[in-house]
Amino acid sequence: MTIESILGAIVIGAVIGAIGRLLLPGRQAIGWILTVVVGIVAALIGTAIAQVLGVETTPGIDWIELVMQVVLAIVGVGLVAGLRRGSRV
């Protein structure tokens, strides 16, 4: 694993996490670092699922894989926000 791949994962995770957070209705009580972590995890899991399902890698944007990653980010942000909200009660 190179520095470029690590930085790329962080940037893509930040974007995926931010998109997931923006598409989730309501207010989420999680910080930006946790949003990036959720985005990185969602991007990795989404890529793995796409590969298992046989989604082809194309030279451009892989829309099916991207949709999977964003949906996973929405679910992840919702779960983390719900867990954090529940622990404050």
C-alpha atoms as a PDB file:
ATOM      1  CA  MET A   1       0.000   0.000   0.000  1.00  0.00           C
ATOM      2  CA  THR A   2       1.483   3.313  -1.060  1.00  0.00           C
ATOM      3  CA  ILE A   3       1.038   6.809   0.294  1.00  0.00           C
ATOM      4  CA  GLU A   4      -0.943   7.707  -2.828  1.00  0.00           C
ATOM      5  CA  SER A   5      -3.426   4.886  -2.285  1.00  0.00           C
ATOM      6  CA  ILE A   6      -3.860   5.824   1.377  1.00  0.00           C
ATOM      7  CA  LEU A   7      -4.419   9.488   0.513  1.00  0.00           C
ATOM      8  CA  GLY A   8      -6.764   8.467  -2.283  1.00  0.00           C
ATOM      9  CA  ALA A   9      -8.797   6.324   0.123  1.00  0.00           C
ATOM     10  CA  ILE A  10      -9.045   9.242   2.558  1.00  0.00           C
ATOM     11  CA  VAL A  11     -10.167  11.680  -0.150  1.00  0.00           C
ATOM     12  CA  ILE A  12     -12.669   9.263  -1.679  1.00  0.00           C
ATOM     13  CA  GLY A  13     -13.887   8.323   1.808  1.00  0.00           C
ATOM     14  CA  ALA A  14     -14.391  11.981   2.659  1.00  0.00           C
ATOM     15  CA  VAL A  15     -16.398  12.550  -0.509  1.00  0.00           C
ATOM     16  CA  ILE A  16     -18.483   9.375  -0.120  1.00  0.00           C
ATOM     17  CA  GLY A  17     -19.091  10.131   3.578  1.00  0.00           C
ATOM     18  CA  ALA A  18     -20.072  13.728   2.854  1.00  0.00           C
ATOM     19  CA  ILE A  19     -22.480  12.673   0.106  1.00  0.00           C
ATOM     20  CA  GLY A  20     -23.990  10.032   2.375  1.00  0.00           C
ATOM     21  CA  ARG A  21     -24.388  12.557   5.178  1.00  0.00           C
ATOM     22  CA  LEU A  22     -25.967  15.129   2.865  1.00  0.00           C
ATOM     23  CA  LEU A  23     -28.471  12.621   1.482  1.00  0.00           C
ATOM     24  CA  LEU A  24     -29.508  11.372   4.926  1.00  0.00           C
ATOM     25  CA  PRO A  25     -32.451  13.467   6.126  1.00  0.00           C
ATOM     26  CA  GLY A  26     -32.231  15.212   9.475  1.00  0.00           C
ATOM     27  CA  ARG A  27     -29.336  16.329  11.597  1.00  0.00           C
ATOM     28  CA  GLN A  28     -26.509  13.929  12.370  1.00  0.00           C
ATOM     29  CA  ALA A  29     -24.518  14.516  15.548  1.00  0.00           C
ATOM     30  CA  ILE A  30     -21.214  13.188  14.234  1.00  0.00           C
ATOM     31  CA  GLY A  31     -18.051  15.076  13.390  1.00  0.00           C
ATOM     32  CA  TRP A  32     -16.224  15.287  10.116  1.00  0.00           C
ATOM     33  CA  ILE A  33     -13.528  12.785  11.128  1.00  0.00           C
ATOM     34  CA  LEU A  34     -16.153  10.144  11.878  1.00  0.00           C
ATOM     35  CA  THR A  35     -17.892  11.021   8.605  1.00  0.00           C
ATOM     36  CA  VAL A  36     -14.629  10.386   6.720  1.00  0.00           C
ATOM     37  CA  VAL A  37     -14.094   7.083   8.553  1.00  0.00           C
ATOM     38  CA  VAL A  38     -17.631   5.956   7.695  1.00  0.00           C
ATOM     39  CA  GLY A  39     -17.034   7.036   4.090  1.00  0.00           C
ATOM     40  CA  ILE A  40     -13.778   5.068   3.846  1.00  0.00           C
ATOM     41  CA  VAL A  41     -15.419   1.945   5.255  1.00  0.00           C
ATOM     42  CA  ALA A  42     -18.423   2.385   2.929  1.00  0.00           C
ATOM     43  CA  ALA A  43     -16.130   2.840  -0.082  1.00  0.00           C
ATOM     44  CA  LEU A  44     -14.130  -0.288   0.744  1.00  0.00           C
ATOM     45  CA  ILE A  45     -17.206  -2.445   1.416  1.00  0.00           C
ATOM     46  CA  GLY A  46     -18.995  -1.061  -1.661  1.00  0.00           C
ATOM     47  CA  THR A  47     -16.013  -1.893  -3.859  1.00  0.00           C
ATOM     48  CA  ALA A  48     -15.811  -5.407  -2.399  1.00  0.00           C
ATOM     49  CA  ILE A  49     -19.531  -6.015  -2.974  1.00  0.00           C
ATOM     50  CA  ALA A  50     -19.281  -4.700  -6.541  1.00  0.00           C
ATOM     51  CA  GLN A  51     -16.401  -7.075  -7.260  1.00  0.00           C
ATOM     52  CA  VAL A  52     -18.267 -10.044  -5.778  1.00  0.00           C
ATOM     53  CA  LEU A  53     -21.337  -9.205  -7.877  1.00  0.00           C
ATOM     54  CA  GLY A  54     -19.168  -8.973 -10.996  1.00  0.00           C
ATOM     55  CA  VAL A  55     -19.621  -5.270 -11.677  1.00  0.00           C
ATOM     56  CA  GLU A  56     -17.060  -4.438 -14.344  1.00  0.00           C
ATOM     57  CA  THR A  57     -14.373  -1.845 -13.723  1.00  0.00           C
ATOM     58  CA  THR A  58     -14.463   0.763 -16.468  1.00  0.00           C
ATOM     59  CA  PRO A  59     -12.023   3.540 -17.386  1.00  0.00           C
ATOM     60  CA  GLY A  60     -14.571   6.174 -16.356  1.00  0.00           C
ATOM     61  CA  ILE A  61     -16.818   6.423 -13.326  1.00  0.00           C
ATOM     62  CA  ASP A  62     -18.250   3.123 -12.130  1.00  0.00           C
ATOM     63  CA  TRP A  63     -21.766   4.343 -11.368  1.00  0.00           C
ATOM     64  CA  ILE A  64     -23.102   1.086  -9.939  1.00  0.00           C
ATOM     65  CA  GLU A  65     -20.181   0.836  -7.531  1.00  0.00           C
ATOM     66  CA  LEU A  66     -20.529   4.508  -6.611  1.00  0.00           C
ATOM     67  CA  VAL A  67     -24.231   4.093  -5.827  1.00  0.00           C
ATOM     68  CA  MET A  68     -23.431   1.090  -3.618  1.00  0.00           C
ATOM     69  CA  GLN A  69     -20.799   3.105  -1.765  1.00  0.00           C
ATOM     70  CA  VAL A  70     -23.116   6.077  -1.203  1.00  0.00           C
ATOM     71  CA  VAL A  71     -25.982   3.853  -0.005  1.00  0.00           C
ATOM     72  CA  LEU A  72     -23.598   2.155   2.430  1.00  0.00           C
ATOM     73  CA  ALA A  73     -22.391   5.579   3.595  1.00  0.00           C
ATOM     74  CA  ILE A  74     -25.978   6.698   4.220  1.00  0.00           C
ATOM     75  CA  VAL A  75     -26.621   3.554   6.265  1.00  0.00           C
ATOM     76  CA  GLY A  76     -23.297   3.937   8.098  1.00  0.00           C
ATOM     77  CA  VAL A  77     -23.832   7.602   8.969  1.00  0.00           C
ATOM     78  CA  GLY A  78     -27.350   6.791  10.176  1.00  0.00           C
ATOM     79  CA  LEU A  79     -26.104   3.928  12.351  1.00  0.00           C
ATOM     80  CA  VAL A  80     -23.239   5.927  13.850  1.00  0.00           C
ATOM     81  CA  ALA A  81     -25.457   8.952  14.493  1.00  0.00           C
ATOM     82  CA  GLY A  82     -28.078   6.711  16.106  1.00  0.00           C
ATOM     83  CA  LEU A  83     -25.496   4.980  18.297  1.00  0.00           C
ATOM     84  CA  ARG A  84     -24.009   8.300  19.386  1.00  0.00           C
ATOM     85  CA  ARG A  85     -27.445   9.739  20.113  1.00  0.00           C
ATOM     86  CA  GLY A  86     -28.361   6.635  22.126  1.00  0.00           C
ATOM     87  CA  SER A  87     -25.188   6.773  24.219  1.00  0.00           C
ATOM     88  CA  ARG A  88     -25.886  10.353  25.354  1.00  0.00           C
ATOM     89  CA  VAL A  89     -29.218   9.520  26.967  1.00  0.00           C
END
